[in-house]
C-alpha cells in the first residue's frame, strides 16, 4: 500500500506543478499583451498631440497672413515693416498663438530692396 500511495502523491504533485506553470505562462502572455496595448496607447496620444501642435502652427501662420493682408487692403500705408535691426516690425497674439509679420518688396532675383510701399 505504501508504494501505491506514494505514486498517488507523486501524480498529484506533478498535476499541481503543471497547473502552476500553466498559470505563470498565462500571466506572462497577458502581461506582454497589456504592455503592447499600453505602448500603442501612448504612441497614439503622442501622435495626436503633435498633430494638434502642427495644426495650431498652421492656423497661427494663416492668421498672420490674413491679418496683414486685411491691414494693407484697408490702407496700404499702414503695412508693417522690418525694424532697423531686421526684426519683424510688430508682434500680435491670437487664440492659437503669437505671430510677427511684416511686408517687404523684392527684386526680380528674390532679394529684398527698400521697404514696401
C-alpha atoms as a PDB file:
ATOM      1  CA  UNK A   1       0.000   0.000   0.000  1.00  0.00           C
ATOM      2  CA  UNK A   2       2.855   2.366   0.637  1.00  0.00           C
ATOM      3  CA  UNK A   3       4.015   2.106  -2.962  1.00  0.00           C
ATOM      4  CA  UNK A   4       0.577   2.861  -4.265  1.00  0.00           C
ATOM      5  CA  UNK A   5       0.012   5.852  -2.001  1.00  0.00           C
ATOM      6  CA  UNK A   6       3.452   7.250  -2.934  1.00  0.00           C
ATOM      7  CA  UNK A   7       2.533   7.008  -6.616  1.00  0.00           C
ATOM      8  CA  UNK A   8      -0.693   8.901  -5.978  1.00  0.00           C
ATOM      9  CA  UNK A   9       1.167  11.695  -4.165  1.00  0.00           C
ATOM     10  CA  UNK A  10       3.728  11.988  -6.965  1.00  0.00           C
ATOM     11  CA  UNK A  11       0.927  12.131  -9.525  1.00  0.00           C
ATOM     12  CA  UNK A  12      -0.855  14.890  -7.623  1.00  0.00           C
ATOM     13  CA  UNK A  13       2.329  16.904  -7.228  1.00  0.00           C
ATOM     14  CA  UNK A  14       3.027  16.797 -10.958  1.00  0.00           C
ATOM     15  CA  UNK A  15      -0.526  17.979 -11.675  1.00  0.00           C
ATOM     16  CA  UNK A  16      -0.056  20.850  -9.221  1.00  0.00           C
ATOM     17  CA  UNK A  17       3.244  21.780 -10.890  1.00  0.00           C
ATOM     18  CA  UNK A  18       1.678  21.720 -14.337  1.00  0.00           C
ATOM     19  CA  UNK A  19      -1.154  23.973 -13.162  1.00  0.00           C
ATOM     20  CA  UNK A  20       1.340  26.412 -11.660  1.00  0.00           C
ATOM     21  CA  UNK A  21       3.373  26.531 -14.884  1.00  0.00           C
ATOM     22  CA  UNK A  22       0.201  26.988 -16.925  1.00  0.00           C
ATOM     23  CA  UNK A  23      -0.886  29.922 -14.745  1.00  0.00           C
ATOM     24  CA  UNK A  24       2.589  31.505 -14.959  1.00  0.00           C
ATOM     25  CA  UNK A  25       2.614  31.189 -18.767  1.00  0.00           C
ATOM     26  CA  UNK A  26      -0.868  32.716 -18.927  1.00  0.00           C
ATOM     27  CA  UNK A  27       0.194  35.650 -16.708  1.00  0.00           C
ATOM     28  CA  UNK A  28       3.327  36.181 -18.833  1.00  0.00           C
ATOM     29  CA  UNK A  29       1.379  36.239 -22.102  1.00  0.00           C
ATOM     30  CA  UNK A  30      -1.265  38.555 -20.608  1.00  0.00           C
ATOM     31  CA  UNK A  31       1.457  40.914 -19.365  1.00  0.00           C
ATOM     32  CA  UNK A  32       3.080  41.057 -22.799  1.00  0.00           C
ATOM     33  CA  UNK A  33      -0.257  41.827 -24.454  1.00  0.00           C
ATOM     34  CA  UNK A  34      -1.087  44.551 -21.915  1.00  0.00           C
ATOM     35  CA  UNK A  35       2.372  46.114 -22.319  1.00  0.00           C
ATOM     36  CA  UNK A  36       1.841  46.222 -26.096  1.00  0.00           C
ATOM     37  CA  UNK A  37      -1.552  47.856 -25.706  1.00  0.00           C
ATOM     38  CA  UNK A  38      -0.062  50.416 -23.318  1.00  0.00           C
ATOM     39  CA  UNK A  39       2.734  51.260 -25.763  1.00  0.00           C
ATOM     40  CA  UNK A  40       0.184  51.645 -28.567  1.00  0.00           C
ATOM     41  CA  UNK A  41      -1.983  53.996 -26.495  1.00  0.00           C
ATOM     42  CA  UNK A  42       0.993  56.170 -25.510  1.00  0.00           C
ATOM     43  CA  UNK A  43       2.192  56.326 -29.129  1.00  0.00           C
ATOM     44  CA  UNK A  44      -1.264  57.268 -30.381  1.00  0.00           C
ATOM     45  CA  UNK A  45      -1.594  60.012 -27.762  1.00  0.00           C
ATOM     46  CA  UNK A  46       1.810  61.446 -28.685  1.00  0.00           C
ATOM     47  CA  UNK A  47       0.864  61.475 -32.377  1.00  0.00           C
ATOM     48  CA  UNK A  48      -2.400  63.269 -31.586  1.00  0.00           C
ATOM     49  CA  UNK A  49      -0.602  65.927 -29.525  1.00  0.00           C
ATOM     50  CA  UNK A  50       1.978  66.528 -32.270  1.00  0.00           C
ATOM     51  CA  UNK A  51      -0.804  66.800 -34.859  1.00  0.00           C
ATOM     52  CA  UNK A  52      -2.613  69.358 -32.737  1.00  0.00           C
ATOM     53  CA  UNK A  53       0.574  71.422 -32.313  1.00  0.00           C
ATOM     54  CA  UNK A  54       1.162  71.300 -36.081  1.00  0.00           C
ATOM     55  CA  UNK A  55      -2.405  72.435 -36.760  1.00  0.00           C
ATOM     56  CA  UNK A  56      -2.039  75.333 -34.310  1.00  0.00           C
ATOM     57  CA  UNK A  57       1.190  76.412 -36.035  1.00  0.00           C
ATOM     58  CA  UNK A  58      -0.513  76.400 -39.449  1.00  0.00           C
ATOM     59  CA  UNK A  59      -3.534  78.305 -38.100  1.00  0.00           C
ATOM     60  CA  UNK A  60      -1.269  80.906 -36.489  1.00  0.00           C
ATOM     61  CA  UNK A  61       0.685  81.393 -39.724  1.00  0.00           C
ATOM     62  CA  UNK A  62      -2.537  81.772 -41.686  1.00  0.00           C
ATOM     63  CA  UNK A  63      -3.844  84.245 -39.096  1.00  0.00           C
ATOM     64  CA  UNK A  64      -0.703  86.355 -39.568  1.00  0.00           C
ATOM     65  CA  UNK A  65      -1.050  86.370 -43.334  1.00  0.00           C
ATOM     66  CA  UNK A  66      -4.761  87.193 -43.197  1.00  0.00           C
ATOM     67  CA  UNK A  67      -4.182  89.928 -40.626  1.00  0.00           C
ATOM     68  CA  UNK A  68      -1.529  91.679 -42.717  1.00  0.00           C
ATOM     69  CA  UNK A  69      -3.493  91.293 -45.976  1.00  0.00           C
ATOM     70  CA  UNK A  70      -6.530  92.823 -44.306  1.00  0.00           C
ATOM     71  CA  UNK A  71      -4.426  95.635 -42.863  1.00  0.00           C
ATOM     72  CA  UNK A  72      -2.861  96.590 -46.214  1.00  0.00           C
ATOM     73  CA  UNK A  73      -6.146  96.239 -48.101  1.00  0.00           C
ATOM     74  CA  UNK A  74      -7.705  98.844 -45.791  1.00  0.00           C
ATOM     75  CA  UNK A  75      -4.749 101.232 -46.076  1.00  0.00           C
ATOM     76  CA  UNK A  76      -1.519 100.241 -47.789  1.00  0.00           C
ATOM     77  CA  UNK A  77       0.414 102.932 -45.925  1.00  0.00           C
ATOM     78  CA  UNK A  78      -0.187 101.048 -42.647  1.00  0.00           C
ATOM     79  CA  UNK A  79       1.787  97.954 -43.672  1.00  0.00           C
ATOM     80  CA  UNK A  80       4.100  96.549 -41.005  1.00  0.00           C
ATOM     81  CA  UNK A  81       7.797  96.970 -41.894  1.00  0.00           C
ATOM     82  CA  UNK A  82      11.055  95.491 -40.641  1.00  0.00           C
ATOM     83  CA  UNK A  83      12.750  97.371 -37.825  1.00  0.00           C
ATOM     84  CA  UNK A  84      16.219  98.823 -38.307  1.00  0.00           C
ATOM     85  CA  UNK A  85      17.590  95.729 -36.546  1.00  0.00           C
ATOM     86  CA  UNK A  86      15.988  93.483 -39.174  1.00  0.00           C
ATOM     87  CA  UNK A  87      13.437  92.024 -36.773  1.00  0.00           C
ATOM     88  CA  UNK A  88       9.789  91.854 -37.819  1.00  0.00           C
ATOM     89  CA  UNK A  89       8.018  95.104 -37.117  1.00  0.00           C
ATOM     90  CA  UNK A  90       5.144  94.099 -34.883  1.00  0.00           C
ATOM     91  CA  UNK A  91       4.141  91.037 -32.854  1.00  0.00           C
ATOM     92  CA  UNK A  92       0.499  90.072 -32.471  1.00  0.00           C
ATOM     93  CA  UNK A  93      -1.331  87.452 -30.430  1.00  0.00           C
ATOM     94  CA  UNK A  94      -4.222  85.255 -31.486  1.00  0.00           C
ATOM     95  CA  UNK A  95      -6.104  82.398 -29.872  1.00  0.00           C
ATOM     96  CA  UNK A  96      -3.750  79.864 -31.474  1.00  0.00           C
ATOM     97  CA  UNK A  97      -0.525  81.703 -30.580  1.00  0.00           C
ATOM     98  CA  UNK A  98       1.609  84.753 -31.309  1.00  0.00           C
ATOM     99  CA  UNK A  99       2.978  85.843 -34.676  1.00  0.00           C
ATOM    100  CA  UNK A 100       5.212  88.549 -36.104  1.00  0.00           C
ATOM    101  CA  UNK A 101       4.551  89.895 -39.560  1.00  0.00           C
ATOM    102  CA  UNK A 102       5.966  92.448 -41.979  1.00  0.00           C
ATOM    103  CA  UNK A 103       5.780  93.306 -45.649  1.00  0.00           C
ATOM    104  CA  UNK A 104       8.825  93.794 -47.868  1.00  0.00           C
ATOM    105  CA  UNK A 105       9.477  94.461 -51.522  1.00  0.00           C
ATOM    106  CA  UNK A 106      11.604  92.026 -53.506  1.00  0.00           C
ATOM    107  CA  UNK A 107      13.619  92.406 -56.679  1.00  0.00           C
ATOM    108  CA  UNK A 108      13.129  90.113 -59.627  1.00  0.00           C
ATOM    109  CA  UNK A 109      16.026  87.953 -58.341  1.00  0.00           C
ATOM    110  CA  UNK A 110      14.281  87.492 -54.965  1.00  0.00           C
ATOM    111  CA  UNK A 111      16.412  89.768 -52.786  1.00  0.00           C
ATOM    112  CA  UNK A 112      14.842  92.378 -50.531  1.00  0.00           C
ATOM    113  CA  UNK A 113      15.045  96.010 -51.505  1.00  0.00           C
ATOM    114  CA  UNK A 114      13.720  99.107 -49.864  1.00  0.00           C
ATOM    115  CA  UNK A 115      10.716  98.841 -47.555  1.00  0.00           C
ATOM    116  CA  UNK A 116       7.441  98.066 -49.235  1.00  0.00           C
ATOM    117  CA  UNK A 117       5.303 100.974 -50.269  1.00  0.00           C
END
